[in-house]
PDB file of N, CA and C in Angstrom:
ATOM      1  N   MET A   1      18.008   3.842 -12.609  1.00  0.00           N
ATOM      2  CA  MET A   1      16.677   2.932 -11.737  1.00  0.00           C
ATOM      3  C   MET A   1      15.815   3.259 -11.707  1.00  0.00           C
ATOM      4  N   ALA A   2      14.886   2.456 -11.682  1.00  0.00           N
ATOM      5  CA  ALA A   2      13.352   2.352 -11.981  1.00  0.00           C
ATOM      6  C   ALA A   2      12.932   2.973 -10.529  1.00  0.00           C
ATOM      7  N   VAL A   3      11.796   3.711 -11.099  1.00  0.00           N
ATOM      8  CA  VAL A   3      10.997   4.454 -10.071  1.00  0.00           C
ATOM      9  C   VAL A   3       9.693   3.339  -9.481  1.00  0.00           C
ATOM     10  N   THR A   4       9.047   2.607 -10.080  1.00  0.00           N
ATOM     11  CA  THR A   4       8.133   1.575  -9.619  1.00  0.00           C
ATOM     12  C   THR A   4       8.849   0.319 -10.827  1.00  0.00           C
ATOM     13  N   MET A   5       8.294  -1.049 -10.239  1.00  0.00           N
ATOM     14  CA  MET A   5       8.444  -2.212 -10.799  1.00  0.00           C
ATOM     15  C   MET A   5       7.106  -2.915 -10.464  1.00  0.00           C
ATOM     16  N   ARG A   6       7.028  -4.030 -11.302  1.00  0.00           N
ATOM     17  CA  ARG A   6       6.301  -5.044 -10.871  1.00  0.00           C
ATOM     18  C   ARG A   6       6.359  -5.892  -9.688  1.00  0.00           C
ATOM     19  N   LEU A   7       5.641  -6.308  -9.233  1.00  0.00           N
ATOM     20  CA  LEU A   7       5.863  -7.014  -8.344  1.00  0.00           C
ATOM     21  C   LEU A   7       6.629  -8.465  -8.035  1.00  0.00           C
ATOM     22  N   ASP A   8       5.942  -9.008  -9.133  1.00  0.00           N
ATOM     23  CA  ASP A   8       6.588 -10.576  -9.353  1.00  0.00           C
ATOM     24  C   ASP A   8       7.896 -10.317  -9.946  1.00  0.00           C
ATOM     25  N   LYS A   9       8.388  -9.222 -10.546  1.00  0.00           N
ATOM     26  CA  LYS A   9       9.476  -8.961 -11.238  1.00  0.00           C
ATOM     27  C   LYS A   9      10.559  -8.386  -9.964  1.00  0.00           C
ATOM     28  N   PHE A  10      10.031  -7.905  -9.299  1.00  0.00           N
ATOM     29  CA  PHE A  10      10.915  -7.237  -8.129  1.00  0.00           C
ATOM     30  C   PHE A  10      11.433  -8.669  -7.197  1.00  0.00           C
ATOM     31  N   LEU A  11      10.539  -9.513  -7.058  1.00  0.00           N
ATOM     32  CA  LEU A  11      10.533 -10.625  -6.262  1.00  0.00           C
ATOM     33  C   LEU A  11      11.802 -11.443  -6.867  1.00  0.00           C
ATOM     34  N   LYS A  12      11.716 -11.641  -8.102  1.00  0.00           N
ATOM     35  CA  LYS A  12      12.668 -12.269  -9.116  1.00  0.00           C
ATOM     36  C   LYS A  12      13.986 -11.748  -8.990  1.00  0.00           C
ATOM     37  N   VAL A  13      13.992 -10.430  -9.312  1.00  0.00           N
ATOM     38  CA  VAL A  13      15.420  -9.510  -9.365  1.00  0.00           C
ATOM     39  C   VAL A  13      16.240  -9.585  -8.164  1.00  0.00           C
ATOM     40  N   SER A  14      15.401  -9.412  -7.088  1.00  0.00           N
ATOM     41  CA  SER A  14      16.121  -9.435  -5.597  1.00  0.00           C
ATOM     42  C   SER A  14      16.184 -10.588  -5.051  1.00  0.00           C
ATOM     43  N   ARG A  15      15.852 -11.707  -5.831  1.00  0.00           N
ATOM     44  CA  ARG A  15      15.788 -12.893  -5.289  1.00  0.00           C
ATOM     45  C   ARG A  15      15.362 -13.296  -4.085  1.00  0.00           C
ATOM     46  N   LEU A  16      14.278 -12.513  -3.638  1.00  0.00           N
ATOM     47  CA  LEU A  16      13.250 -13.150  -2.480  1.00  0.00           C
ATOM     48  C   LEU A  16      12.485 -14.288  -3.172  1.00  0.00           C
ATOM     49  N   ILE A  17      12.305 -14.246  -4.001  1.00  0.00           N
ATOM     50  CA  ILE A  17      11.828 -15.786  -4.985  1.00  0.00           C
ATOM     51  C   ILE A  17      12.546 -15.649  -6.052  1.00  0.00           C
ATOM     52  N   LYS A  18      13.126 -17.089  -6.352  1.00  0.00           N
ATOM     53  CA  LYS A  18      13.920 -17.641  -7.195  1.00  0.00           C
ATOM     54  C   LYS A  18      13.186 -17.472  -8.658  1.00  0.00           C
ATOM     55  N   ARG A  19      12.237 -17.586  -8.906  1.00  0.00           N
ATOM     56  CA  ARG A  19      11.397 -17.747 -10.174  1.00  0.00           C
ATOM     57  C   ARG A  19      10.297 -16.743 -10.312  1.00  0.00           C
ATOM     58  N   ARG A  20       9.903 -16.167 -11.510  1.00  0.00           N
ATOM     59  CA  ARG A  20       8.902 -15.002 -11.460  1.00  0.00           C
ATOM     60  C   ARG A  20       7.962 -15.703 -11.867  1.00  0.00           C
ATOM     61  N   THR A  21       7.724 -16.923 -12.253  1.00  0.00           N
ATOM     62  CA  THR A  21       6.513 -17.773 -12.319  1.00  0.00           C
ATOM     63  C   THR A  21       5.827 -18.115 -10.700  1.00  0.00           C
ATOM     64  N   VAL A  22       7.072 -18.321  -9.968  1.00  0.00           N
ATOM     65  CA  VAL A  22       6.481 -18.747  -8.586  1.00  0.00           C
ATOM     66  C   VAL A  22       6.216 -17.868  -7.917  1.00  0.00           C
ATOM     67  N   ALA A  23       6.762 -16.406  -8.098  1.00  0.00           N
ATOM     68  CA  ALA A  23       6.514 -15.116  -7.377  1.00  0.00           C
ATOM     69  C   ALA A  23       4.950 -14.890  -8.059  1.00  0.00           C
ATOM     70  N   LYS A  24       4.513 -14.884  -8.982  1.00  0.00           N
ATOM     71  CA  LYS A  24       3.451 -14.689  -9.831  1.00  0.00           C
ATOM     72  C   LYS A  24       2.416 -15.787  -9.106  1.00  0.00           C
ATOM     73  N   GLU A  25       2.736 -17.118  -9.165  1.00  0.00           N
ATOM     74  CA  GLU A  25       1.645 -17.944  -8.197  1.00  0.00           C
ATOM     75  C   GLU A  25       1.512 -17.856  -6.868  1.00  0.00           C
ATOM     76  N   VAL A  26       2.333 -17.308  -6.195  1.00  0.00           N
ATOM     77  CA  VAL A  26       2.351 -16.909  -4.583  1.00  0.00           C
ATOM     78  C   VAL A  26       1.605 -15.830  -4.596  1.00  0.00           C
ATOM     79  N   ALA A  27       1.669 -14.681  -5.544  1.00  0.00           N
ATOM     80  CA  ALA A  27       0.973 -13.575  -5.340  1.00  0.00           C
ATOM     81  C   ALA A  27      -0.582 -13.991  -5.712  1.00  0.00           C
ATOM     82  N   GLU A  28      -0.734 -14.729  -6.782  1.00  0.00           N
ATOM     83  CA  GLU A  28      -2.198 -14.781  -7.360  1.00  0.00           C
ATOM     84  C   GLU A  28      -2.914 -15.876  -6.160  1.00  0.00           C
ATOM     85  N   LYS A  29      -2.172 -16.172  -5.407  1.00  0.00           N
ATOM     86  CA  LYS A  29      -2.909 -16.988  -3.956  1.00  0.00           C
ATOM     87  C   LYS A  29      -2.870 -16.099  -2.733  1.00  0.00           C
ATOM     88  N   GLY A  30      -2.792 -14.718  -3.367  1.00  0.00           N
ATOM     89  CA  GLY A  30      -3.189 -13.920  -2.094  1.00  0.00           C
ATOM     90  C   GLY A  30      -1.976 -14.117  -0.888  1.00  0.00           C
ATOM     91  N   ARG A  31      -0.947 -14.213  -1.154  1.00  0.00           N
ATOM     92  CA  ARG A  31       0.225 -14.551   0.001  1.00  0.00           C
ATOM     93  C   ARG A  31       0.925 -13.401   0.047  1.00  0.00           C
ATOM     94  N   ILE A  32       1.098 -12.650  -0.590  1.00  0.00           N
ATOM     95  CA  ILE A  32       1.824 -11.266  -0.664  1.00  0.00           C
ATOM     96  C   ILE A  32       0.722 -10.139  -0.360  1.00  0.00           C
ATOM     97  N   SER A  33       1.591  -8.925   0.427  1.00  0.00           N
ATOM     98  CA  SER A  33       0.912  -7.929   0.667  1.00  0.00           C
ATOM     99  C   SER A  33       2.063  -6.866   0.516  1.00  0.00           C
ATOM    100  N   VAL A  34       1.515  -5.884   0.102  1.00  0.00           N
ATOM    101  CA  VAL A  34       2.379  -4.761   0.045  1.00  0.00           C
ATOM    102  C   VAL A  34       1.589  -3.399   0.736  1.00  0.00           C
ATOM    103  N   ASN A  35       2.207  -3.152   1.744  1.00  0.00           N
ATOM    104  CA  ASN A  35       1.853  -1.934   2.718  1.00  0.00           C
ATOM    105  C   ASN A  35       0.574  -2.499   3.430  1.00  0.00           C
ATOM    106  N   GLY A  36       0.349  -3.508   3.721  1.00  0.00           N
ATOM    107  CA  GLY A  36      -0.874  -4.116   4.432  1.00  0.00           C
ATOM    108  C   GLY A  36      -1.891  -4.282   3.449  1.00  0.00           C
ATOM    109  N   VAL A  37      -1.729  -4.332   2.002  1.00  0.00           N
ATOM    110  CA  VAL A  37      -2.903  -4.685   1.107  1.00  0.00           C
ATOM    111  C   VAL A  37      -2.363  -5.810   0.352  1.00  0.00           C
ATOM    112  N   VAL A  38      -3.272  -6.864  -0.003  1.00  0.00           N
ATOM    113  CA  VAL A  38      -3.079  -7.858  -0.562  1.00  0.00           C
ATOM    114  C   VAL A  38      -2.673  -7.584  -2.026  1.00  0.00           C
ATOM    115  N   ALA A  39      -1.875  -7.768  -2.834  1.00  0.00           N
ATOM    116  CA  ALA A  39      -0.815  -7.536  -3.947  1.00  0.00           C
ATOM    117  C   ALA A  39      -1.233  -8.629  -5.027  1.00  0.00           C
ATOM    118  N   LYS A  40      -1.318  -8.359  -6.225  1.00  0.00           N
ATOM    119  CA  LYS A  40      -1.252  -8.978  -7.189  1.00  0.00           C
ATOM    120  C   LYS A  40      -0.092  -8.856  -8.165  1.00  0.00           C
ATOM    121  N   PRO A  41       0.192 -10.069  -8.846  1.00  0.00           N
ATOM    122  CA  PRO A  41       1.702  -9.921  -9.523  1.00  0.00           C
ATOM    123  C   PRO A  41       1.981  -8.523 -10.157  1.00  0.00           C
ATOM    124  N   GLY A  42       1.148  -8.170 -10.726  1.00  0.00           N
ATOM    125  CA  GLY A  42       1.238  -6.884 -11.649  1.00  0.00           C
ATOM    126  C   GLY A  42       1.403  -5.608 -10.783  1.00  0.00           C
ATOM    127  N   THR A  43       1.187  -5.576  -9.486  1.00  0.00           N
ATOM    128  CA  THR A  43       1.204  -4.357  -8.533  1.00  0.00           C
ATOM    129  C   THR A  43       2.370  -3.723  -8.718  1.00  0.00           C
ATOM    130  N   ASN A  44       2.498  -2.464  -8.581  1.00  0.00           N
ATOM    131  CA  ASN A  44       3.617  -1.593  -8.626  1.00  0.00           C
ATOM    132  C   ASN A  44       4.060  -1.425  -7.768  1.00  0.00           C
ATOM    133  N   VAL A  45       5.606  -1.819  -7.204  1.00  0.00           N
ATOM    134  CA  VAL A  45       6.147  -1.604  -6.134  1.00  0.00           C
ATOM    135  C   VAL A  45       7.145  -0.724  -6.228  1.00  0.00           C
ATOM    136  N   LYS A  46       7.535   0.133  -5.048  1.00  0.00           N
ATOM    137  CA  LYS A  46       8.591   1.202  -4.991  1.00  0.00           C
ATOM    138  C   LYS A  46       9.303   1.683  -3.662  1.00  0.00           C
ATOM    139  N   VAL A  47      10.402   1.978  -3.847  1.00  0.00           N
ATOM    140  CA  VAL A  47      11.071   2.043  -2.723  1.00  0.00           C
ATOM    141  C   VAL A  47      10.486   2.533  -1.449  1.00  0.00           C
ATOM    142  N   GLU A  48      10.864   1.909  -0.175  1.00  0.00           N
ATOM    143  CA  GLU A  48      10.044   1.938   1.114  1.00  0.00           C
ATOM    144  C   GLU A  48       8.982   1.244   1.159  1.00  0.00           C
ATOM    145  N   ASP A  49       8.029   0.697   0.174  1.00  0.00           N
ATOM    146  CA  ASP A  49       6.947   0.049   0.423  1.00  0.00           C
ATOM    147  C   ASP A  49       7.777  -1.352   1.030  1.00  0.00           C
ATOM    148  N   GLU A  50       6.588  -1.779   2.160  1.00  0.00           N
ATOM    149  CA  GLU A  50       6.799  -3.222   3.075  1.00  0.00           C
ATOM    150  C   GLU A  50       6.002  -4.315   2.426  1.00  0.00           C
ATOM    151  N   LEU A  51       6.874  -5.213   2.194  1.00  0.00           N
ATOM    152  CA  LEU A  51       6.242  -6.360   1.845  1.00  0.00           C
ATOM    153  C   LEU A  51       6.137  -7.485   3.069  1.00  0.00           C
ATOM    154  N   VAL A  52       4.826  -8.104   2.622  1.00  0.00           N
ATOM    155  CA  VAL A  52       4.722  -9.327   3.466  1.00  0.00           C
ATOM    156  C   VAL A  52       4.545 -10.516   2.383  1.00  0.00           C
ATOM    157  N   ILE A  53       5.521 -11.472   2.842  1.00  0.00           N
ATOM    158  CA  ILE A  53       5.054 -12.631   1.992  1.00  0.00           C
ATOM    159  C   ILE A  53       5.105 -13.752   2.936  1.00  0.00           C
ATOM    160  N   LYS A  54       4.161 -14.934   2.437  1.00  0.00           N
ATOM    161  CA  LYS A  54       3.900 -16.038   3.261  1.00  0.00           C
ATOM    162  C   LYS A  54       4.254 -17.108   2.517  1.00  0.00           C
ATOM    163  N   PHE A  55       5.317 -17.955   2.942  1.00  0.00           N
ATOM    164  CA  PHE A  55       5.982 -19.026   2.047  1.00  0.00           C
ATOM    165  C   PHE A  55       5.528 -20.188   3.231  1.00  0.00           C
ATOM    166  N   GLY A  56       4.606 -21.136   2.806  1.00  0.00           N
ATOM    167  CA  GLY A  56       4.340 -22.032   3.711  1.00  0.00           C
ATOM    168  C   GLY A  56       4.174 -21.681   5.239  1.00  0.00           C
ATOM    169  N   GLN A  57       5.362 -22.494   5.953  1.00  0.00           N
ATOM    170  CA  GLN A  57       5.128 -22.167   7.501  1.00  0.00           C
ATOM    171  C   GLN A  57       6.072 -20.771   7.784  1.00  0.00           C
ATOM    172  N   LYS A  58       6.633 -20.232   6.787  1.00  0.00           N
ATOM    173  CA  LYS A  58       7.299 -18.950   6.879  1.00  0.00           C
ATOM    174  C   LYS A  58       6.689 -17.839   6.432  1.00  0.00           C
ATOM    175  N   THR A  59       6.664 -16.719   7.373  1.00  0.00           N
ATOM    176  CA  THR A  59       6.044 -15.445   6.969  1.00  0.00           C
ATOM    177  C   THR A  59       7.398 -14.541   7.274  1.00  0.00           C
ATOM    178  N   VAL A  60       7.738 -13.689   5.830  1.00  0.00           N
ATOM    179  CA  VAL A  60       9.104 -12.900   5.890  1.00  0.00           C
ATOM    180  C   VAL A  60       8.418 -11.160   5.669  1.00  0.00           C
ATOM    181  N   THR A  61       8.741 -10.448   6.523  1.00  0.00           N
ATOM    182  CA  THR A  61       8.538  -8.746   6.138  1.00  0.00           C
ATOM    183  C   THR A  61       9.859  -8.030   5.672  1.00  0.00           C
ATOM    184  N   ALA A  62       9.726  -7.754   4.828  1.00  0.00           N
ATOM    185  CA  ALA A  62      10.779  -6.975   4.045  1.00  0.00           C
ATOM    186  C   ALA A  62      10.320  -5.423   3.495  1.00  0.00           C
ATOM    187  N   ARG A  63      11.390  -4.612   3.599  1.00  0.00           N
ATOM    188  CA  ARG A  63      11.200  -3.050   2.990  1.00  0.00           C
ATOM    189  C   ARG A  63      12.075  -3.315   1.933  1.00  0.00           C
ATOM    190  N   ILE A  64      11.673  -2.542   0.721  1.00  0.00           N
ATOM    191  CA  ILE A  64      12.378  -2.395  -0.349  1.00  0.00           C
ATOM    192  C   ILE A  64      13.212  -1.178  -0.260  1.00  0.00           C
ATOM    193  N   ASP A  65      14.574  -1.389  -0.339  1.00  0.00           N
ATOM    194  CA  ASP A  65      15.340  -0.286  -0.386  1.00  0.00           C
ATOM    195  C   ASP A  65      15.786   0.521  -1.729  1.00  0.00           C
ATOM    196  N   ARG A  66      16.057  -0.296  -2.753  1.00  0.00           N
ATOM    197  CA  ARG A  66      16.460   0.067  -4.170  1.00  0.00           C
ATOM    198  C   ARG A  66      15.708  -1.087  -4.955  1.00  0.00           C
ATOM    199  N   LEU A  67      15.310  -0.467  -6.421  1.00  0.00           N
ATOM    200  CA  LEU A  67      14.917  -0.945  -7.145  1.00  0.00           C
ATOM    201  C   LEU A  67      16.109  -1.080  -8.560  1.00  0.00           C
ATOM    202  N   GLU A  68      16.161  -2.224  -9.068  1.00  0.00           N
ATOM    203  CA  GLU A  68      17.402  -2.441 -10.442  1.00  0.00           C
ATOM    204  C   GLU A  68      16.600  -3.286 -10.907  1.00  0.00           C
ATOM    205  N   GLU A  69      16.833  -2.714 -12.363  1.00  0.00           N
ATOM    206  CA  GLU A  69      16.020  -3.915 -13.425  1.00  0.00           C
ATOM    207  C   GLU A  69      16.701  -5.178 -13.852  1.00  0.00           C
ATOM    208  N   ASN A  70      18.122  -5.255 -13.473  1.00  0.00           N
ATOM    209  CA  ASN A  70      18.614  -6.191 -12.940  1.00  0.00           C
ATOM    210  C   ASN A  70      19.748  -6.249 -12.410  1.00  0.00           C
ATOM    211  N   ALA A  71      19.806  -7.343 -11.260  1.00  0.00           N
ATOM    212  CA  ALA A  71      20.665  -7.089 -10.366  1.00  0.00           C
ATOM    213  C   ALA A  71      21.454  -8.560 -10.170  1.00  0.00           C
ATOM    214  N   ARG A  72      23.158  -8.420 -10.380  1.00  0.00           N
ATOM    215  CA  ARG A  72      23.724  -9.640 -10.053  1.00  0.00           C
ATOM    216  C   ARG A  72      23.277  -9.764  -8.651  1.00  0.00           C
ATOM    217  N   LYS A  73      23.922 -11.548  -8.394  1.00  0.00           N
ATOM    218  CA  LYS A  73      23.293 -11.988  -6.937  1.00  0.00           C
ATOM    219  C   LYS A  73      24.140 -11.133  -5.947  1.00  0.00           C
ATOM    220  N   GLU A  74      25.042 -10.862  -5.962  1.00  0.00           N
ATOM    221  CA  GLU A  74      26.023  -9.768  -5.037  1.00  0.00           C
ATOM    222  C   GLU A  74      25.094  -8.673  -4.339  1.00  0.00           C
ATOM    223  N   VAL A  75      24.476  -8.150  -5.742  1.00  0.00           N
ATOM    224  CA  VAL A  75      23.468  -6.795  -5.257  1.00  0.00           C
ATOM    225  C   VAL A  75      22.373  -6.946  -4.735  1.00  0.00           C
ATOM    226  N   ALA A  76      21.818  -8.220  -5.404  1.00  0.00           N
ATOM    227  CA  ALA A  76      20.265  -8.705  -5.090  1.00  0.00           C
ATOM    228  C   ALA A  76      19.910  -8.219  -3.767  1.00  0.00           C
ATOM    229  N   THR A  77      20.975  -8.541  -2.798  1.00  0.00           N
ATOM    230  CA  THR A  77      20.332  -8.541  -1.093  1.00  0.00           C
ATOM    231  C   THR A  77      20.440  -7.042  -0.560  1.00  0.00           C
ATOM    232  N   GLU A  78      21.056  -6.125  -1.612  1.00  0.00           N
ATOM    233  CA  GLU A  78      20.645  -4.825  -1.301  1.00  0.00           C
ATOM    234  C   GLU A  78      19.597  -4.234  -1.707  1.00  0.00           C
ATOM    235  N   MET A  79      18.826  -4.639  -2.358  1.00  0.00           N
ATOM    236  CA  MET A  79      17.780  -4.235  -2.835  1.00  0.00           C
ATOM    237  C   MET A  79      16.505  -4.415  -1.699  1.00  0.00           C
ATOM    238  N   TYR A  80      16.740  -5.233  -0.793  1.00  0.00           N
ATOM    239  CA  TYR A  80      15.682  -4.989   0.512  1.00  0.00           C
ATOM    240  C   TYR A  80      16.254  -5.319   1.734  1.00  0.00           C
ATOM    241  N   THR A  81      15.951  -5.268   2.777  1.00  0.00           N
ATOM    242  CA  THR A  81      15.938  -5.312   4.292  1.00  0.00           C
ATOM    243  C   THR A  81      14.939  -6.056   4.789  1.00  0.00           C
ATOM    244  N   ILE A  82      15.159  -7.405   5.663  1.00  0.00           N
ATOM    245  CA  ILE A  82      14.461  -8.280   5.995  1.00  0.00           C
ATOM    246  C   ILE A  82      14.177  -7.563   7.570  1.00  0.00           C
ATOM    247  N   LEU A  83      12.819  -7.231   7.639  1.00  0.00           N
ATOM    248  CA  LEU A  83      12.485  -6.697   8.799  1.00  0.00           C
ATOM    249  C   LEU A  83      12.061  -7.709  10.199  1.00  0.00           C
ATOM    250  N   LYS A  84      11.617  -8.737   9.630  1.00  0.00           N
ATOM    251  CA  LYS A  84      11.123  -9.749  10.550  1.00  0.00           C
ATOM    252  C   LYS A  84      10.682 -11.045   9.653  1.00  0.00           C
ATOM    253  N   GLU A  85      11.032 -12.121  10.442  1.00  0.00           N
ATOM    254  CA  GLU A  85      11.063 -13.556   9.838  1.00  0.00           C
ATOM    255  C   GLU A  85      10.422 -14.127  10.897  1.00  0.00           C
ATOM    256  N   GLU A  86       9.050 -14.685  10.734  1.00  0.00           N
ATOM    257  CA  GLU A  86       8.571 -15.414  11.465  1.00  0.00           C
ATOM    258  C   GLU A  86       8.272 -17.029  11.058  1.00  0.00           C
ATOM    259  N   ARG A  87       8.265 -18.107  11.956  1.00  0.00           N
ATOM    260  CA  ARG A  87       8.168 -19.317  11.473  1.00  0.00           C
ATOM    261  C   ARG A  87       6.934 -19.799  12.325  1.00  0.00           C
ATOM    262  N   LYS A  88       5.958 -20.529  11.499  1.00  0.00           N
ATOM    263  CA  LYS A  88       4.678 -21.379  11.994  1.00  0.00           C
ATOM    264  C   LYS A  88       5.221 -22.424  12.458  1.00  0.00           C
ATOM    265  N   ASP A  89       4.938 -23.208  13.606  1.00  0.00           N
ATOM    266  CA  ASP A  89       5.361 -24.237  13.839  1.00  0.00           C
ATOM    267  C   ASP A  89       3.911 -25.113  13.675  1.00  0.00           C
ATOM    268  N   GLU A  90       3.987 -26.311  13.042  1.00  0.00           N
ATOM    269  CA  GLU A  90       2.994 -26.986  12.943  1.00  0.00           C
ATOM    270  C   GLU A  90       2.398 -27.845  14.167  1.00  0.00           C
ATOM    271  N   GLU A  91       1.294 -27.891  14.568  1.00  0.00           N
ATOM    272  CA  GLU A  91       0.641 -28.535  16.200  1.00  0.00           C
ATOM    273  C   GLU A  91       0.449 -29.963  15.602  1.00  0.00           C
TER     274      GLU A  91
END
């Protein structure tokens, strides 16, 4: 099991974001923070880190529970816990 992993890779392997290129773009736009700090795609993440990801109208807060180099679909959801999910409705 890895001790740290690149943010973009974690998002892809955990399937929080389906494709690494998309994870990279979202991070480059400053829409992801790790432990309250805006993160770049290459930011190293570790177990217990808290991620806040802004997808358009939705903001997801998740805690990293484990890091896997490659995870099957069934195992991927065990890599994190969703702490909060907020939706901003357009006015």
